Amino acid sequence: MTQAISTRAGRRGYARVLIPVLVGAVAAAVVWSLGPFGRGDSTVHASFDAPVYSSVEELTSASDIVVIGTVTAVVGRETDFGTNNLSERVGDGIPVVFYEVESSEVLKGTTDSTTIIVGNPDGEKLGSEDVTPLEVGQEVMLFLRAQTAAKDAPGITLFDSFYTTLSLDNGIFDMDGEVAHPRTPGLFGDTATVSFPMDDIRTQISNG
C-alpha cells in the first residue's frame, strides 16, 4: 500500500508522520507521542483514512472472499514500514499482527484451505479507534481482501500472502449463533445495536 494522504490534525506535543501501511485501500496518519521537549513513551497513535462501507452488499462487492470462521491463534507480529528498502523507512512503522482463522463457511469466493491468515494493524500496540483486536476463540464473519507481500505489502516478511479485513473494523462482524453484529454499527444505521440475521446475509451475498 503506497498511497499518501494528508495527516489529520494532531494534539500539541505530538509529531505527525505519514507512512504507507499494508491494509489495502487504507492509509495511515501515524502520530508518535513526543511529550515535553521531545521526550515521551513509545505508544503509537494512528488515525486511518479508508473507504466506508455501509451495507453488506457494498462490503461483499469490494471483497475477494467472505468467510465465517473462528480465530484459532496469533501466528506472528511484525512492524510494517511500507517498504523493504532500509533507506526508505520512515518513523517507527506500523505494528501488525497476524491471526490464523479456521473458516467454517465461505460465503463468497474460494480458498485453498479452510485455514487462512489474516493480517491487520495490531490493536494491542496501536492507539486507534479504528482497530479492535481479534481474540482467540472468537467466531467472526470477515469481509476480506487478498494481499501478497511482494505486490501489496513490501514491508512484510512473515507471510508471502494473506488477507486483510476491508477498512479495518468495518469488515468484521461478531457472530452470535445465526446473528451477525458489525463492529462499526454506526456505519449501518442510526442505532448502536445493529444486527443482521445470517439468512438475510446469505441471500444478499448469493444475489450479489
N, C-alpha and C. Protein backbone atom coordinates (compact mmCIF):
# COMPACT_ATOMS: atom_id res chain seq x y z
N MET A 1 0.85 -1.18 0.00
CA MET A 1 0.00 0.00 0.00
C MET A 1 0.89 1.23 0.00
N THR A 2 0.76 2.09 -1.04
CA THR A 2 1.70 3.19 -1.16
C THR A 2 1.02 4.54 -1.35
N GLN A 3 -0.30 4.62 -1.27
CA GLN A 3 -0.93 5.92 -1.48
C GLN A 3 -0.65 6.83 -0.29
N ALA A 4 -0.67 8.13 -0.54
CA ALA A 4 -0.40 9.10 0.52
C ALA A 4 -1.66 9.90 0.81
N ILE A 5 -1.80 10.34 2.03
CA ILE A 5 -2.90 11.20 2.42
C ILE A 5 -2.34 12.31 3.29
N SER A 6 -3.15 13.31 3.53
CA SER A 6 -2.75 14.36 4.46
C SER A 6 -3.00 13.91 5.87
N THR A 7 -2.09 14.21 6.76
CA THR A 7 -2.29 13.85 8.15
C THR A 7 -3.40 14.65 8.75
N ARG A 8 -4.15 14.03 9.65
CA ARG A 8 -5.17 14.75 10.39
C ARG A 8 -4.50 15.58 11.48
N ALA A 9 -5.20 16.58 11.95
CA ALA A 9 -4.62 17.46 12.97
C ALA A 9 -4.29 16.67 14.22
N GLY A 10 -3.07 16.82 14.70
CA GLY A 10 -2.66 16.11 15.91
C GLY A 10 -2.70 17.03 17.11
N ARG A 11 -2.67 16.45 18.30
CA ARG A 11 -2.64 17.26 19.51
C ARG A 11 -1.28 17.91 19.70
N ARG A 12 -1.25 19.04 20.40
CA ARG A 12 0.01 19.73 20.65
C ARG A 12 0.96 18.81 21.40
N GLY A 13 2.22 18.82 21.00
CA GLY A 13 3.19 17.95 21.65
C GLY A 13 3.36 16.62 20.95
N TYR A 14 2.74 16.47 19.77
CA TYR A 14 2.86 15.23 19.03
C TYR A 14 3.51 15.52 17.67
N ALA A 15 4.27 14.57 17.20
CA ALA A 15 4.83 14.68 15.85
C ALA A 15 3.98 13.85 14.90
N ARG A 16 3.71 14.39 13.73
CA ARG A 16 2.87 13.69 12.77
C ARG A 16 3.72 13.18 11.61
N VAL A 17 3.59 11.91 11.32
CA VAL A 17 4.38 11.30 10.25
C VAL A 17 3.46 10.44 9.41
N LEU A 18 3.55 10.56 8.11
CA LEU A 18 2.73 9.77 7.21
C LEU A 18 3.55 8.64 6.62
N ILE A 19 3.04 7.40 6.75
CA ILE A 19 3.71 6.27 6.13
C ILE A 19 2.68 5.37 5.48
N PRO A 20 3.09 4.56 4.51
CA PRO A 20 2.17 3.59 3.93
C PRO A 20 1.98 2.41 4.87
N VAL A 21 0.90 1.67 4.68
CA VAL A 21 0.60 0.54 5.55
C VAL A 21 -0.03 -0.56 4.73
N LEU A 22 0.06 -1.80 5.22
CA LEU A 22 -0.33 -2.95 4.43
C LEU A 22 -1.80 -3.07 4.12
N VAL A 23 -2.69 -2.52 4.92
CA VAL A 23 -4.11 -2.83 4.80
C VAL A 23 -4.71 -2.19 3.55
N GLY A 24 -4.86 -2.98 2.48
CA GLY A 24 -5.28 -2.49 1.19
C GLY A 24 -6.40 -1.47 1.27
N ALA A 25 -6.28 -0.39 0.54
CA ALA A 25 -7.25 0.70 0.49
C ALA A 25 -7.31 1.49 1.78
N VAL A 26 -6.28 1.41 2.62
CA VAL A 26 -6.23 2.19 3.85
C VAL A 26 -4.89 2.89 3.92
N ALA A 27 -4.89 4.16 4.26
CA ALA A 27 -3.64 4.87 4.51
C ALA A 27 -3.64 5.35 5.94
N ALA A 28 -2.47 5.43 6.54
CA ALA A 28 -2.41 5.75 7.97
C ALA A 28 -1.66 7.06 8.20
N ALA A 29 -2.27 7.91 9.00
CA ALA A 29 -1.57 9.08 9.51
C ALA A 29 -1.09 8.71 10.90
N VAL A 30 0.19 8.48 11.05
CA VAL A 30 0.71 7.93 12.28
C VAL A 30 1.27 9.03 13.17
N VAL A 31 0.91 9.01 14.44
CA VAL A 31 1.32 10.05 15.37
C VAL A 31 2.06 9.42 16.53
N TRP A 32 3.31 9.82 16.75
CA TRP A 32 4.08 9.33 17.89
C TRP A 32 4.03 10.35 19.02
N SER A 33 3.85 9.88 20.22
CA SER A 33 3.83 10.78 21.38
C SER A 33 5.24 11.24 21.69
N LEU A 34 5.45 12.55 21.65
CA LEU A 34 6.77 13.09 21.95
C LEU A 34 6.87 13.61 23.37
N GLY A 35 5.78 14.16 23.87
CA GLY A 35 5.82 14.72 25.22
C GLY A 35 6.63 15.99 25.27
N PRO A 36 6.79 16.57 26.44
CA PRO A 36 7.55 17.82 26.57
C PRO A 36 8.99 17.66 26.12
N PHE A 37 9.45 18.61 25.33
CA PHE A 37 10.86 18.66 24.89
C PHE A 37 11.28 17.37 24.17
N GLY A 38 10.33 16.75 23.48
CA GLY A 38 10.69 15.60 22.66
C GLY A 38 10.82 14.31 23.44
N ARG A 39 10.47 14.30 24.73
CA ARG A 39 10.56 13.05 25.49
C ARG A 39 9.16 12.47 25.62
N GLY A 40 9.04 11.18 25.50
CA GLY A 40 7.71 10.57 25.62
C GLY A 40 7.80 9.07 25.58
N ASP A 41 6.62 8.42 25.61
CA ASP A 41 6.60 6.96 25.58
C ASP A 41 6.65 6.48 24.15
N SER A 42 6.56 5.15 23.98
CA SER A 42 6.67 4.56 22.65
C SER A 42 5.32 4.21 22.06
N THR A 43 4.22 4.67 22.68
CA THR A 43 2.90 4.36 22.16
C THR A 43 2.69 5.02 20.81
N VAL A 44 2.18 4.26 19.85
CA VAL A 44 1.89 4.78 18.52
C VAL A 44 0.40 5.06 18.43
N HIS A 45 0.06 6.30 18.08
CA HIS A 45 -1.33 6.69 17.91
C HIS A 45 -1.58 6.90 16.42
N ALA A 46 -2.63 6.29 15.89
CA ALA A 46 -2.86 6.39 14.45
C ALA A 46 -4.32 6.62 14.15
N SER A 47 -4.56 7.40 13.12
CA SER A 47 -5.89 7.51 12.53
C SER A 47 -5.79 7.02 11.10
N PHE A 48 -6.89 6.52 10.58
CA PHE A 48 -6.87 5.89 9.26
C PHE A 48 -7.93 6.52 8.35
N ASP A 49 -7.54 6.79 7.13
CA ASP A 49 -8.50 7.17 6.11
C ASP A 49 -8.79 5.95 5.26
N ALA A 50 -10.07 5.61 5.12
CA ALA A 50 -10.42 4.39 4.40
C ALA A 50 -11.80 4.54 3.80
N PRO A 51 -12.11 3.76 2.78
CA PRO A 51 -13.48 3.74 2.25
C PRO A 51 -14.46 3.32 3.35
N VAL A 52 -15.66 3.86 3.29
CA VAL A 52 -16.69 3.48 4.24
C VAL A 52 -17.72 2.62 3.53
N TYR A 53 -17.99 1.44 4.09
CA TYR A 53 -18.98 0.53 3.54
C TYR A 53 -20.16 0.48 4.52
N SER A 54 -21.34 0.84 4.03
CA SER A 54 -22.50 0.96 4.92
C SER A 54 -23.57 -0.08 4.66
N SER A 55 -23.24 -1.13 3.91
CA SER A 55 -24.18 -2.22 3.68
C SER A 55 -23.42 -3.50 3.41
N VAL A 56 -24.09 -4.61 3.62
CA VAL A 56 -23.49 -5.91 3.32
C VAL A 56 -23.19 -6.01 1.83
N GLU A 57 -24.06 -5.44 1.00
CA GLU A 57 -23.84 -5.50 -0.44
C GLU A 57 -22.55 -4.79 -0.82
N GLU A 58 -22.30 -3.61 -0.24
CA GLU A 58 -21.08 -2.87 -0.56
C GLU A 58 -19.84 -3.62 -0.10
N LEU A 59 -19.88 -4.17 1.11
CA LEU A 59 -18.75 -4.95 1.61
C LEU A 59 -18.48 -6.16 0.74
N THR A 60 -19.54 -6.86 0.36
CA THR A 60 -19.38 -8.06 -0.45
C THR A 60 -18.78 -7.74 -1.80
N SER A 61 -19.27 -6.67 -2.42
CA SER A 61 -18.77 -6.29 -3.74
C SER A 61 -17.29 -5.98 -3.73
N ALA A 62 -16.81 -5.36 -2.64
CA ALA A 62 -15.40 -4.97 -2.55
C ALA A 62 -14.49 -6.08 -2.04
N SER A 63 -15.06 -7.19 -1.61
CA SER A 63 -14.27 -8.28 -1.01
C SER A 63 -13.84 -9.29 -2.05
N ASP A 64 -12.68 -9.89 -1.80
CA ASP A 64 -12.27 -11.05 -2.59
C ASP A 64 -12.92 -12.32 -2.06
N ILE A 65 -12.98 -12.44 -0.74
CA ILE A 65 -13.68 -13.56 -0.11
C ILE A 65 -14.43 -13.06 1.12
N VAL A 66 -15.49 -13.79 1.47
CA VAL A 66 -16.23 -13.53 2.71
C VAL A 66 -16.36 -14.87 3.43
N VAL A 67 -15.91 -14.92 4.67
CA VAL A 67 -15.93 -16.18 5.40
C VAL A 67 -16.50 -15.99 6.80
N ILE A 68 -17.07 -17.08 7.32
CA ILE A 68 -17.36 -17.19 8.74
C ILE A 68 -16.34 -18.15 9.31
N GLY A 69 -15.70 -17.80 10.41
CA GLY A 69 -14.68 -18.66 10.97
C GLY A 69 -14.37 -18.33 12.41
N THR A 70 -13.49 -19.13 12.98
CA THR A 70 -13.07 -18.96 14.37
C THR A 70 -11.59 -18.61 14.41
N VAL A 71 -11.26 -17.60 15.18
CA VAL A 71 -9.85 -17.22 15.36
C VAL A 71 -9.19 -18.29 16.23
N THR A 72 -8.19 -18.97 15.69
CA THR A 72 -7.58 -20.09 16.41
C THR A 72 -6.22 -19.76 17.02
N ALA A 73 -5.54 -18.72 16.52
CA ALA A 73 -4.21 -18.43 17.06
C ALA A 73 -3.70 -17.09 16.54
N VAL A 74 -2.81 -16.49 17.31
CA VAL A 74 -1.97 -15.40 16.81
C VAL A 74 -0.69 -16.05 16.31
N VAL A 75 -0.38 -15.86 15.03
CA VAL A 75 0.74 -16.61 14.43
C VAL A 75 1.93 -15.72 14.10
N GLY A 76 1.88 -14.46 14.44
CA GLY A 76 3.06 -13.63 14.21
C GLY A 76 2.77 -12.15 14.39
N ARG A 77 3.81 -11.41 14.67
CA ARG A 77 3.75 -9.96 14.76
C ARG A 77 4.95 -9.38 14.02
N GLU A 78 4.74 -8.24 13.40
CA GLU A 78 5.80 -7.63 12.61
C GLU A 78 5.54 -6.12 12.54
N THR A 79 6.57 -5.36 12.24
CA THR A 79 6.42 -3.93 12.03
C THR A 79 6.47 -3.65 10.54
N ASP A 80 5.43 -2.99 10.05
CA ASP A 80 5.35 -2.68 8.63
C ASP A 80 5.85 -1.25 8.39
N PHE A 81 6.93 -1.13 7.63
CA PHE A 81 7.47 0.18 7.27
C PHE A 81 7.03 0.61 5.88
N GLY A 82 6.22 -0.22 5.23
CA GLY A 82 5.74 0.12 3.90
C GLY A 82 6.74 -0.11 2.79
N THR A 83 7.92 -0.62 3.14
CA THR A 83 8.96 -0.87 2.15
C THR A 83 9.95 -1.86 2.72
N ASN A 84 10.61 -2.61 1.84
CA ASN A 84 11.68 -3.49 2.29
C ASN A 84 13.05 -2.88 2.06
N ASN A 85 13.06 -1.60 1.68
CA ASN A 85 14.30 -0.87 1.48
C ASN A 85 14.62 -0.08 2.75
N LEU A 86 15.70 -0.42 3.43
CA LEU A 86 16.03 0.21 4.70
C LEU A 86 16.18 1.72 4.58
N SER A 87 16.68 2.19 3.45
CA SER A 87 16.91 3.63 3.29
C SER A 87 15.61 4.41 3.10
N GLU A 88 14.50 3.72 2.82
CA GLU A 88 13.23 4.38 2.59
C GLU A 88 12.31 4.35 3.80
N ARG A 89 12.75 3.72 4.88
CA ARG A 89 11.90 3.60 6.06
C ARG A 89 11.67 4.95 6.72
N VAL A 90 10.44 5.16 7.21
CA VAL A 90 10.06 6.40 7.87
C VAL A 90 9.52 6.08 9.26
N GLY A 91 10.02 6.76 10.28
CA GLY A 91 9.47 6.60 11.63
C GLY A 91 9.62 5.20 12.18
N ASP A 92 8.68 4.85 13.05
CA ASP A 92 8.74 3.57 13.74
C ASP A 92 7.88 2.50 13.10
N GLY A 93 7.23 2.81 11.99
CA GLY A 93 6.42 1.82 11.30
C GLY A 93 5.09 1.56 12.00
N ILE A 94 4.31 0.64 11.43
CA ILE A 94 3.01 0.25 11.97
C ILE A 94 3.11 -1.18 12.51
N PRO A 95 2.77 -1.40 13.78
CA PRO A 95 2.76 -2.77 14.30
C PRO A 95 1.62 -3.57 13.68
N VAL A 96 1.94 -4.77 13.23
CA VAL A 96 0.98 -5.62 12.54
C VAL A 96 0.90 -6.96 13.25
N VAL A 97 -0.30 -7.52 13.35
CA VAL A 97 -0.50 -8.83 13.94
C VAL A 97 -1.17 -9.74 12.91
N PHE A 98 -0.76 -11.01 12.92
CA PHE A 98 -1.33 -11.99 12.00
C PHE A 98 -2.09 -13.06 12.80
N TYR A 99 -3.32 -13.31 12.36
CA TYR A 99 -4.18 -14.30 13.02
C TYR A 99 -4.39 -15.50 12.10
N GLU A 100 -4.51 -16.66 12.70
CA GLU A 100 -4.95 -17.86 11.99
C GLU A 100 -6.45 -17.99 12.21
N VAL A 101 -7.19 -18.12 11.13
CA VAL A 101 -8.65 -18.25 11.20
C VAL A 101 -9.06 -19.54 10.51
N GLU A 102 -9.81 -20.37 11.21
CA GLU A 102 -10.34 -21.61 10.65
C GLU A 102 -11.76 -21.32 10.16
N SER A 103 -11.92 -21.33 8.84
CA SER A 103 -13.22 -20.97 8.27
C SER A 103 -14.18 -22.15 8.31
N SER A 104 -15.40 -21.87 8.69
CA SER A 104 -16.44 -22.90 8.72
C SER A 104 -17.41 -22.75 7.56
N GLU A 105 -17.43 -21.57 6.95
CA GLU A 105 -18.32 -21.32 5.81
C GLU A 105 -17.73 -20.22 4.95
N VAL A 106 -17.66 -20.47 3.66
CA VAL A 106 -17.19 -19.46 2.70
C VAL A 106 -18.42 -18.94 1.96
N LEU A 107 -18.73 -17.67 2.17
CA LEU A 107 -19.93 -17.08 1.59
C LEU A 107 -19.69 -16.48 0.22
N LYS A 108 -18.45 -16.10 -0.05
CA LYS A 108 -18.07 -15.58 -1.37
C LYS A 108 -16.64 -15.99 -1.65
N GLY A 109 -16.36 -16.32 -2.92
CA GLY A 109 -15.01 -16.67 -3.32
C GLY A 109 -14.63 -18.08 -2.95
N THR A 110 -13.36 -18.37 -3.10
CA THR A 110 -12.81 -19.69 -2.77
C THR A 110 -11.49 -19.53 -2.04
N THR A 111 -11.15 -20.52 -1.24
CA THR A 111 -9.87 -20.55 -0.55
C THR A 111 -9.19 -21.88 -0.80
N ASP A 112 -7.87 -21.89 -0.78
CA ASP A 112 -7.12 -23.13 -0.99
C ASP A 112 -7.18 -24.04 0.23
N SER A 113 -7.47 -23.46 1.39
CA SER A 113 -7.51 -24.21 2.64
C SER A 113 -8.56 -23.61 3.54
N THR A 114 -9.07 -24.41 4.46
CA THR A 114 -10.02 -23.85 5.44
C THR A 114 -9.31 -22.95 6.44
N THR A 115 -7.99 -23.07 6.54
CA THR A 115 -7.21 -22.21 7.43
C THR A 115 -6.63 -21.05 6.63
N ILE A 116 -6.94 -19.83 7.05
CA ILE A 116 -6.43 -18.65 6.36
C ILE A 116 -5.69 -17.76 7.35
N ILE A 117 -4.84 -16.89 6.81
CA ILE A 117 -4.09 -15.94 7.62
C ILE A 117 -4.64 -14.54 7.36
N VAL A 118 -4.96 -13.86 8.45
CA VAL A 118 -5.48 -12.50 8.37
C VAL A 118 -4.53 -11.56 9.09
N GLY A 119 -4.08 -10.52 8.40
CA GLY A 119 -3.16 -9.56 8.99
C GLY A 119 -3.79 -8.18 9.06
N ASN A 120 -3.72 -7.54 10.22
CA ASN A 120 -4.25 -6.19 10.41
C ASN A 120 -3.32 -5.41 11.33
N PRO A 121 -3.44 -4.10 11.38
CA PRO A 121 -2.70 -3.34 12.40
C PRO A 121 -2.98 -3.92 13.78
N ASP A 122 -1.96 -3.92 14.63
CA ASP A 122 -2.04 -4.56 15.94
C ASP A 122 -2.72 -3.64 16.94
N GLY A 123 -4.00 -3.93 17.23
CA GLY A 123 -4.76 -3.09 18.13
C GLY A 123 -4.28 -3.12 19.56
N GLU A 124 -3.46 -4.11 19.93
CA GLU A 124 -2.91 -4.16 21.28
C GLU A 124 -1.72 -3.22 21.45
N LYS A 125 -1.11 -2.82 20.34
CA LYS A 125 0.07 -1.95 20.41
C LYS A 125 -0.18 -0.58 19.78
N LEU A 126 -1.34 -0.43 19.17
CA LEU A 126 -1.63 0.77 18.41
C LEU A 126 -2.83 1.48 19.02
N GLY A 127 -2.69 2.75 19.30
CA GLY A 127 -3.81 3.53 19.81
C GLY A 127 -4.65 4.05 18.67
N SER A 128 -5.79 3.39 18.40
CA SER A 128 -6.65 3.80 17.30
C SER A 128 -8.08 3.36 17.56
N GLU A 129 -9.03 4.24 17.25
CA GLU A 129 -10.43 3.89 17.38
C GLU A 129 -10.90 3.01 16.24
N ASP A 130 -10.08 2.85 15.21
CA ASP A 130 -10.48 2.10 14.02
C ASP A 130 -10.11 0.62 14.07
N VAL A 131 -9.34 0.22 15.09
CA VAL A 131 -8.80 -1.14 15.13
C VAL A 131 -9.14 -1.80 16.46
N THR A 132 -9.88 -2.90 16.39
CA THR A 132 -10.18 -3.70 17.57
C THR A 132 -9.52 -5.07 17.40
N PRO A 133 -8.72 -5.52 18.35
CA PRO A 133 -8.05 -6.81 18.18
C PRO A 133 -9.04 -7.96 18.07
N LEU A 134 -8.69 -8.93 17.24
CA LEU A 134 -9.40 -10.21 17.26
C LEU A 134 -8.87 -11.02 18.43
N GLU A 135 -9.68 -11.89 18.97
CA GLU A 135 -9.28 -12.71 20.10
C GLU A 135 -9.44 -14.18 19.76
N VAL A 136 -8.50 -14.98 20.24
CA VAL A 136 -8.55 -16.42 20.01
C VAL A 136 -9.85 -16.97 20.59
N GLY A 137 -10.54 -17.76 19.79
CA GLY A 137 -11.80 -18.35 20.21
C GLY A 137 -13.02 -17.61 19.69
N GLN A 138 -12.84 -16.38 19.20
CA GLN A 138 -13.97 -15.62 18.67
C GLN A 138 -14.43 -16.20 17.34
N GLU A 139 -15.75 -16.23 17.16
CA GLU A 139 -16.32 -16.57 15.86
C GLU A 139 -16.73 -15.27 15.18
N VAL A 140 -16.26 -15.08 13.96
CA VAL A 140 -16.46 -13.82 13.26
C VAL A 140 -16.82 -14.07 11.80
N MET A 141 -17.47 -13.10 11.21
CA MET A 141 -17.62 -13.06 9.76
C MET A 141 -16.70 -11.97 9.25
N LEU A 142 -15.88 -12.31 8.26
CA LEU A 142 -14.85 -11.40 7.78
C LEU A 142 -15.03 -11.12 6.29
N PHE A 143 -15.02 -9.85 5.93
CA PHE A 143 -15.01 -9.41 4.54
C PHE A 143 -13.55 -9.08 4.22
N LEU A 144 -12.97 -9.85 3.32
CA LEU A 144 -11.51 -9.86 3.19
C LEU A 144 -11.03 -9.51 1.79
N ARG A 145 -9.85 -8.91 1.76
CA ARG A 145 -9.15 -8.64 0.51
C ARG A 145 -7.83 -9.42 0.52
N ALA A 146 -7.54 -10.08 -0.59
CA ALA A 146 -6.30 -10.85 -0.70
C ALA A 146 -5.11 -9.92 -0.88
N GLN A 147 -4.00 -10.25 -0.20
CA GLN A 147 -2.78 -9.46 -0.27
C GLN A 147 -1.59 -10.37 -0.56
N THR A 148 -0.64 -9.87 -1.32
CA THR A 148 0.64 -10.54 -1.47
C THR A 148 1.72 -9.57 -1.00
N ALA A 149 2.70 -10.10 -0.28
CA ALA A 149 3.74 -9.22 0.25
C ALA A 149 4.50 -8.51 -0.87
N ALA A 150 4.81 -9.22 -1.93
CA ALA A 150 5.61 -8.65 -3.00
C ALA A 150 4.90 -7.47 -3.67
N LYS A 151 3.59 -7.59 -3.87
CA LYS A 151 2.86 -6.56 -4.61
C LYS A 151 2.21 -5.53 -3.69
N ASP A 152 1.57 -5.98 -2.62
CA ASP A 152 0.73 -5.10 -1.81
C ASP A 152 1.38 -4.64 -0.51
N ALA A 153 2.33 -5.40 0.00
CA ALA A 153 2.90 -5.09 1.31
C ALA A 153 4.38 -5.41 1.33
N PRO A 154 5.20 -4.62 0.62
CA PRO A 154 6.63 -4.93 0.53
C PRO A 154 7.38 -4.84 1.85
N GLY A 155 6.74 -4.29 2.89
CA GLY A 155 7.40 -4.24 4.19
C GLY A 155 7.19 -5.49 5.03
N ILE A 156 6.37 -6.43 4.54
CA ILE A 156 6.04 -7.64 5.30
C ILE A 156 6.92 -8.80 4.86
N THR A 157 7.45 -9.53 5.84
CA THR A 157 8.34 -10.67 5.53
C THR A 157 7.83 -12.00 6.08
N LEU A 158 6.90 -11.97 7.02
CA LEU A 158 6.46 -13.21 7.67
C LEU A 158 5.66 -14.11 6.75
N PHE A 159 4.84 -13.52 5.87
CA PHE A 159 3.97 -14.31 5.00
C PHE A 159 4.03 -13.76 3.58
N ASP A 160 4.06 -14.68 2.62
CA ASP A 160 4.06 -14.26 1.21
C ASP A 160 2.68 -13.80 0.78
N SER A 161 1.64 -14.39 1.36
CA SER A 161 0.28 -13.99 1.03
C SER A 161 -0.59 -14.12 2.27
N PHE A 162 -1.63 -13.30 2.32
CA PHE A 162 -2.53 -13.28 3.48
C PHE A 162 -3.74 -12.45 3.10
N TYR A 163 -4.63 -12.24 4.04
CA TYR A 163 -5.81 -11.41 3.82
C TYR A 163 -5.84 -10.26 4.82
N THR A 164 -6.53 -9.19 4.46
CA THR A 164 -6.80 -8.12 5.40
C THR A 164 -8.30 -7.84 5.37
N THR A 165 -8.84 -7.38 6.50
CA THR A 165 -10.26 -7.04 6.54
C THR A 165 -10.49 -5.70 5.84
N LEU A 166 -11.62 -5.57 5.18
CA LEU A 166 -11.93 -4.34 4.49
C LEU A 166 -12.09 -3.19 5.48
N SER A 167 -11.30 -2.14 5.28
CA SER A 167 -11.39 -0.94 6.11
C SER A 167 -11.39 -1.26 7.60
N LEU A 168 -10.45 -2.18 7.97
CA LEU A 168 -10.23 -2.49 9.39
C LEU A 168 -11.49 -3.06 10.03
N ASP A 169 -12.01 -2.43 11.09
CA ASP A 169 -13.18 -2.97 11.80
C ASP A 169 -14.44 -2.98 10.95
N ASN A 170 -14.50 -2.17 9.90
CA ASN A 170 -15.68 -2.12 9.04
C ASN A 170 -15.98 -3.49 8.43
N GLY A 171 -14.92 -4.28 8.21
CA GLY A 171 -15.09 -5.60 7.58
C GLY A 171 -15.17 -6.75 8.54
N ILE A 172 -15.43 -6.46 9.84
CA ILE A 172 -15.51 -7.51 10.85
C ILE A 172 -16.90 -7.50 11.49
N PHE A 173 -17.54 -8.68 11.51
CA PHE A 173 -18.81 -8.86 12.21
C PHE A 173 -18.62 -9.95 13.25
N ASP A 174 -19.09 -9.72 14.46
CA ASP A 174 -19.05 -10.74 15.51
C ASP A 174 -20.28 -11.61 15.41
N MET A 175 -20.08 -12.93 15.52
CA MET A 175 -21.17 -13.87 15.36
C MET A 175 -21.77 -14.24 16.71
N ASP A 176 -23.10 -14.31 16.73
CA ASP A 176 -23.85 -14.80 17.89
C ASP A 176 -24.87 -15.78 17.34
N GLY A 177 -24.44 -17.04 17.20
CA GLY A 177 -25.30 -18.02 16.55
C GLY A 177 -25.52 -17.65 15.11
N GLU A 178 -26.77 -17.43 14.73
CA GLU A 178 -27.12 -17.08 13.36
C GLU A 178 -27.40 -15.58 13.21
N VAL A 179 -26.80 -14.80 14.09
CA VAL A 179 -26.93 -13.34 14.01
C VAL A 179 -25.53 -12.73 13.96
N ALA A 180 -25.34 -11.75 13.07
CA ALA A 180 -24.04 -11.09 12.91
C ALA A 180 -24.14 -9.64 13.38
N HIS A 181 -23.16 -9.22 14.19
CA HIS A 181 -23.13 -7.87 14.73
C HIS A 181 -21.91 -7.13 14.18
N PRO A 182 -22.09 -6.07 13.39
CA PRO A 182 -20.94 -5.34 12.86
C PRO A 182 -20.17 -4.62 13.96
N ARG A 183 -18.85 -4.58 13.83
CA ARG A 183 -18.04 -3.86 14.81
C ARG A 183 -18.11 -2.35 14.62
N THR A 184 -18.67 -1.92 13.50
CA THR A 184 -18.87 -0.49 13.26
C THR A 184 -20.37 -0.26 13.04
N PRO A 185 -21.20 -0.47 14.06
CA PRO A 185 -22.65 -0.38 13.86
C PRO A 185 -23.13 0.98 13.39
N GLY A 186 -22.42 2.04 13.78
CA GLY A 186 -22.83 3.37 13.37
C GLY A 186 -22.80 3.59 11.87
N LEU A 187 -22.05 2.77 11.14
CA LEU A 187 -21.98 2.90 9.69
C LEU A 187 -23.16 2.25 8.99
N PHE A 188 -23.92 1.45 9.72
CA PHE A 188 -25.02 0.69 9.12
C PHE A 188 -26.40 1.18 9.53
N GLY A 189 -26.47 2.21 10.35
CA GLY A 189 -27.75 2.73 10.78
C GLY A 189 -27.60 3.70 11.94
N ASP A 190 -28.71 4.18 12.40
CA ASP A 190 -28.69 5.18 13.46
C ASP A 190 -28.55 4.58 14.85
N THR A 191 -28.78 3.29 14.98
CA THR A 191 -28.72 2.65 16.28
C THR A 191 -27.35 2.04 16.52
N ALA A 192 -26.96 1.92 17.78
CA ALA A 192 -25.66 1.34 18.12
C ALA A 192 -25.76 -0.18 18.27
N THR A 193 -26.93 -0.74 18.00
CA THR A 193 -27.12 -2.19 18.20
C THR A 193 -27.62 -2.86 16.93
N VAL A 194 -27.06 -2.46 15.79
CA VAL A 194 -27.45 -3.07 14.51
C VAL A 194 -27.03 -4.53 14.49
N SER A 195 -27.90 -5.40 13.99
CA SER A 195 -27.55 -6.81 13.81
C SER A 195 -28.22 -7.32 12.55
N PHE A 196 -27.66 -8.41 12.00
CA PHE A 196 -28.15 -8.96 10.75
C PHE A 196 -28.36 -10.47 10.89
N PRO A 197 -29.58 -10.97 10.61
CA PRO A 197 -29.79 -12.42 10.56
C PRO A 197 -28.97 -13.02 9.42
N MET A 198 -28.33 -14.14 9.65
CA MET A 198 -27.47 -14.75 8.64
C MET A 198 -28.25 -15.20 7.41
N ASP A 199 -29.51 -15.58 7.57
CA ASP A 199 -30.31 -15.94 6.40
C ASP A 199 -30.40 -14.77 5.44
N ASP A 200 -30.57 -13.55 5.98
CA ASP A 200 -30.64 -12.37 5.12
C ASP A 200 -29.31 -12.10 4.45
N ILE A 201 -28.21 -12.26 5.22
CA ILE A 201 -26.88 -12.01 4.65
C ILE A 201 -26.56 -13.01 3.54
N ARG A 202 -26.86 -14.27 3.77
CA ARG A 202 -26.60 -15.29 2.74
C ARG A 202 -27.38 -14.99 1.46
N THR A 203 -28.63 -14.53 1.63
CA THR A 203 -29.44 -14.18 0.47
C THR A 203 -28.86 -13.00 -0.26
N GLN A 204 -28.44 -11.97 0.47
CA GLN A 204 -27.87 -10.80 -0.14
C GLN A 204 -26.60 -11.13 -0.91
N ILE A 205 -25.75 -11.97 -0.30
CA ILE A 205 -24.49 -12.32 -0.95
C ILE A 205 -24.73 -13.18 -2.18
N SER A 206 -25.63 -14.14 -2.09
CA SER A 206 -25.89 -15.02 -3.23
C SER A 206 -26.55 -14.27 -4.38
N ASN A 207 -27.34 -13.25 -4.06
CA ASN A 207 -27.99 -12.45 -5.10
C ASN A 207 -27.04 -11.43 -5.70
N GLY A 208 -25.94 -11.15 -4.99
CA GLY A 208 -24.99 -10.16 -5.47
C GLY A 208 -24.10 -10.71 -6.55
